[in-house]
Amino acid sequence: MKWILIVQLCFVSTQTCYPPQKLDIYNNYKDCALKGYSFSFDAIAEMKNTEKLLPTIKFYCEAFEEKTI
């Protein structure tokens, strides 16, 4: 089983969200979840106007079966 990291960026100040985006595929849940946290941290750390925009990042790891051809 593989895991795909899905993230969604929202802004509290405008009550808007971008559509969820599929980022990467991982071989295990732990690596996927840890990347979600580090991605969220880095994204907010690099963002300008965080005090005005009030960004939030939702992420989750979704399991899927890799099909072989």
N, C-alpha and C. Protein backbone atom coordinates (compact mmCIF):
# COMPACT_ATOMS: atom_id res chain seq x y z
N MET A 1 0.84 -1.17 0.00
CA MET A 1 0.00 0.00 0.00
C MET A 1 0.89 1.24 0.00
N LYS A 2 0.48 2.24 -0.75
CA LYS A 2 1.19 3.52 -0.83
C LYS A 2 0.29 4.60 -0.26
N TRP A 3 0.89 5.75 0.01
CA TRP A 3 0.17 6.88 0.60
C TRP A 3 0.44 8.14 -0.21
N ILE A 4 -0.60 8.92 -0.45
CA ILE A 4 -0.45 10.17 -1.17
C ILE A 4 -0.76 11.33 -0.23
N LEU A 5 0.11 12.33 -0.25
CA LEU A 5 -0.06 13.51 0.59
C LEU A 5 -0.94 14.52 -0.14
N ILE A 6 -2.01 14.94 0.52
CA ILE A 6 -2.94 15.91 -0.04
C ILE A 6 -2.99 17.11 0.91
N VAL A 7 -2.78 18.31 0.36
CA VAL A 7 -2.78 19.52 1.18
C VAL A 7 -3.78 20.53 0.64
N GLN A 8 -4.28 21.36 1.54
CA GLN A 8 -5.21 22.42 1.16
C GLN A 8 -4.87 23.68 1.96
N LEU A 9 -4.66 24.78 1.25
CA LEU A 9 -4.33 26.06 1.86
C LEU A 9 -5.59 26.90 1.99
N CYS A 10 -5.82 27.41 3.19
CA CYS A 10 -6.98 28.27 3.45
C CYS A 10 -6.52 29.55 4.13
N PHE A 11 -7.37 30.57 4.05
CA PHE A 11 -7.10 31.85 4.71
C PHE A 11 -8.29 32.20 5.59
N VAL A 12 -8.04 32.32 6.89
CA VAL A 12 -9.10 32.64 7.83
C VAL A 12 -9.66 34.04 7.56
N SER A 13 -8.76 34.97 7.20
CA SER A 13 -9.18 36.36 7.02
C SER A 13 -10.21 36.54 5.92
N THR A 14 -10.14 35.74 4.88
CA THR A 14 -11.09 35.86 3.77
C THR A 14 -12.06 34.69 3.69
N GLN A 15 -11.88 33.73 4.57
CA GLN A 15 -12.70 32.52 4.60
C GLN A 15 -12.75 31.84 3.23
N THR A 16 -11.56 31.72 2.63
CA THR A 16 -11.44 31.06 1.33
C THR A 16 -10.38 29.97 1.40
N CYS A 17 -10.54 28.98 0.53
CA CYS A 17 -9.58 27.88 0.43
C CYS A 17 -9.28 27.58 -1.03
N TYR A 18 -8.04 27.21 -1.28
CA TYR A 18 -7.69 26.67 -2.59
C TYR A 18 -8.16 25.22 -2.64
N PRO A 19 -8.36 24.68 -3.82
CA PRO A 19 -8.73 23.25 -3.91
C PRO A 19 -7.58 22.37 -3.36
N PRO A 20 -7.90 21.22 -2.79
CA PRO A 20 -6.84 20.31 -2.33
C PRO A 20 -5.92 19.91 -3.48
N GLN A 21 -4.64 19.79 -3.17
CA GLN A 21 -3.63 19.43 -4.15
C GLN A 21 -2.91 18.15 -3.72
N LYS A 22 -2.75 17.23 -4.66
CA LYS A 22 -1.98 16.01 -4.41
C LYS A 22 -0.51 16.35 -4.62
N LEU A 23 0.33 16.08 -3.61
CA LEU A 23 1.73 16.47 -3.71
C LEU A 23 2.66 15.32 -4.06
N ASP A 24 2.79 14.36 -3.15
CA ASP A 24 3.78 13.30 -3.33
C ASP A 24 3.21 11.96 -2.90
N ILE A 25 3.90 10.91 -3.30
CA ILE A 25 3.54 9.54 -2.94
C ILE A 25 4.63 8.98 -2.02
N TYR A 26 4.19 8.27 -0.98
CA TYR A 26 5.11 7.72 0.02
C TYR A 26 4.84 6.23 0.20
N ASN A 27 5.87 5.52 0.62
CA ASN A 27 5.75 4.08 0.83
C ASN A 27 5.11 3.72 2.16
N ASN A 28 5.06 4.69 3.11
CA ASN A 28 4.45 4.41 4.40
C ASN A 28 3.77 5.67 4.95
N TYR A 29 2.86 5.44 5.87
CA TYR A 29 2.06 6.53 6.44
C TYR A 29 2.93 7.52 7.21
N LYS A 30 3.87 7.01 7.98
CA LYS A 30 4.70 7.88 8.81
C LYS A 30 5.43 8.92 7.98
N ASP A 31 6.07 8.51 6.89
CA ASP A 31 6.79 9.46 6.04
C ASP A 31 5.83 10.49 5.44
N CYS A 32 4.66 10.04 5.05
CA CYS A 32 3.66 10.94 4.48
C CYS A 32 3.22 11.98 5.50
N ALA A 33 2.90 11.54 6.71
CA ALA A 33 2.43 12.45 7.76
C ALA A 33 3.52 13.44 8.16
N LEU A 34 4.74 12.96 8.31
CA LEU A 34 5.83 13.87 8.68
C LEU A 34 6.08 14.91 7.60
N LYS A 35 5.98 14.53 6.35
CA LYS A 35 6.14 15.49 5.26
C LYS A 35 5.02 16.52 5.28
N GLY A 36 3.81 16.09 5.62
CA GLY A 36 2.70 17.04 5.74
C GLY A 36 2.98 18.11 6.76
N TYR A 37 3.51 17.72 7.91
CA TYR A 37 3.85 18.70 8.94
C TYR A 37 4.98 19.62 8.49
N SER A 38 6.03 19.06 7.90
CA SER A 38 7.16 19.89 7.49
C SER A 38 6.77 20.82 6.33
N PHE A 39 5.96 20.32 5.40
CA PHE A 39 5.48 21.16 4.31
C PHE A 39 4.67 22.34 4.86
N SER A 40 3.78 22.07 5.80
CA SER A 40 2.94 23.11 6.38
C SER A 40 3.78 24.15 7.10
N PHE A 41 4.74 23.69 7.88
CA PHE A 41 5.64 24.60 8.60
C PHE A 41 6.39 25.49 7.63
N ASP A 42 7.01 24.89 6.62
CA ASP A 42 7.80 25.66 5.65
C ASP A 42 6.94 26.65 4.87
N ALA A 43 5.75 26.22 4.47
CA ALA A 43 4.87 27.10 3.68
C ALA A 43 4.49 28.35 4.46
N ILE A 44 4.12 28.17 5.73
CA ILE A 44 3.73 29.33 6.54
C ILE A 44 4.95 30.18 6.90
N ALA A 45 6.08 29.55 7.16
CA ALA A 45 7.30 30.29 7.49
C ALA A 45 7.75 31.19 6.34
N GLU A 46 7.56 30.75 5.11
CA GLU A 46 7.99 31.52 3.94
C GLU A 46 6.94 32.52 3.45
N MET A 47 5.73 32.43 3.96
CA MET A 47 4.63 33.26 3.48
C MET A 47 4.75 34.69 4.02
N LYS A 48 4.43 35.65 3.17
CA LYS A 48 4.37 37.05 3.59
C LYS A 48 2.94 37.37 4.04
N ASN A 49 2.80 38.37 4.87
CA ASN A 49 1.49 38.84 5.35
C ASN A 49 0.72 37.80 6.15
N THR A 50 1.41 36.96 6.89
CA THR A 50 0.70 35.92 7.65
C THR A 50 -0.24 36.51 8.70
N GLU A 51 0.14 37.62 9.29
CA GLU A 51 -0.71 38.24 10.31
C GLU A 51 -1.99 38.81 9.70
N LYS A 52 -1.93 39.19 8.45
CA LYS A 52 -3.11 39.72 7.78
C LYS A 52 -3.97 38.60 7.18
N LEU A 53 -3.31 37.64 6.53
CA LEU A 53 -4.04 36.57 5.82
C LEU A 53 -4.52 35.46 6.74
N LEU A 54 -3.80 35.21 7.83
CA LEU A 54 -4.12 34.12 8.76
C LEU A 54 -4.26 32.78 8.04
N PRO A 55 -3.16 32.29 7.43
CA PRO A 55 -3.24 31.04 6.68
C PRO A 55 -3.36 29.82 7.59
N THR A 56 -4.06 28.84 7.09
CA THR A 56 -4.11 27.51 7.72
C THR A 56 -3.88 26.48 6.62
N ILE A 57 -3.27 25.39 6.98
CA ILE A 57 -3.02 24.33 6.01
C ILE A 57 -3.56 23.03 6.56
N LYS A 58 -4.45 22.44 5.81
CA LYS A 58 -5.00 21.13 6.15
C LYS A 58 -4.26 20.11 5.28
N PHE A 59 -3.86 19.01 5.88
CA PHE A 59 -3.26 17.95 5.08
C PHE A 59 -3.71 16.60 5.60
N TYR A 60 -3.69 15.64 4.71
CA TYR A 60 -3.98 14.26 5.11
C TYR A 60 -3.29 13.32 4.14
N CYS A 61 -3.12 12.09 4.59
CA CYS A 61 -2.48 11.05 3.79
C CYS A 61 -3.55 10.03 3.42
N GLU A 62 -3.71 9.80 2.14
CA GLU A 62 -4.74 8.89 1.65
C GLU A 62 -4.08 7.62 1.10
N ALA A 63 -4.55 6.48 1.55
CA ALA A 63 -3.99 5.20 1.11
C ALA A 63 -4.55 4.84 -0.27
N PHE A 64 -3.70 4.17 -1.05
CA PHE A 64 -4.14 3.62 -2.32
C PHE A 64 -3.30 2.41 -2.68
N GLU A 65 -3.89 1.55 -3.46
CA GLU A 65 -3.19 0.36 -3.94
C GLU A 65 -2.55 0.68 -5.28
N GLU A 66 -1.28 0.41 -5.38
CA GLU A 66 -0.57 0.63 -6.63
C GLU A 66 -0.82 -0.56 -7.54
N LYS A 67 -1.33 -0.29 -8.71
CA LYS A 67 -1.64 -1.37 -9.66
C LYS A 67 -0.44 -1.61 -10.56
N THR A 68 -0.13 -2.87 -10.78
CA THR A 68 0.97 -3.21 -11.67
C THR A 68 0.40 -3.57 -13.03
N ILE A 69 1.17 -3.28 -14.04
CA ILE A 69 0.71 -3.54 -15.42
C ILE A 69 1.32 -4.83 -15.91
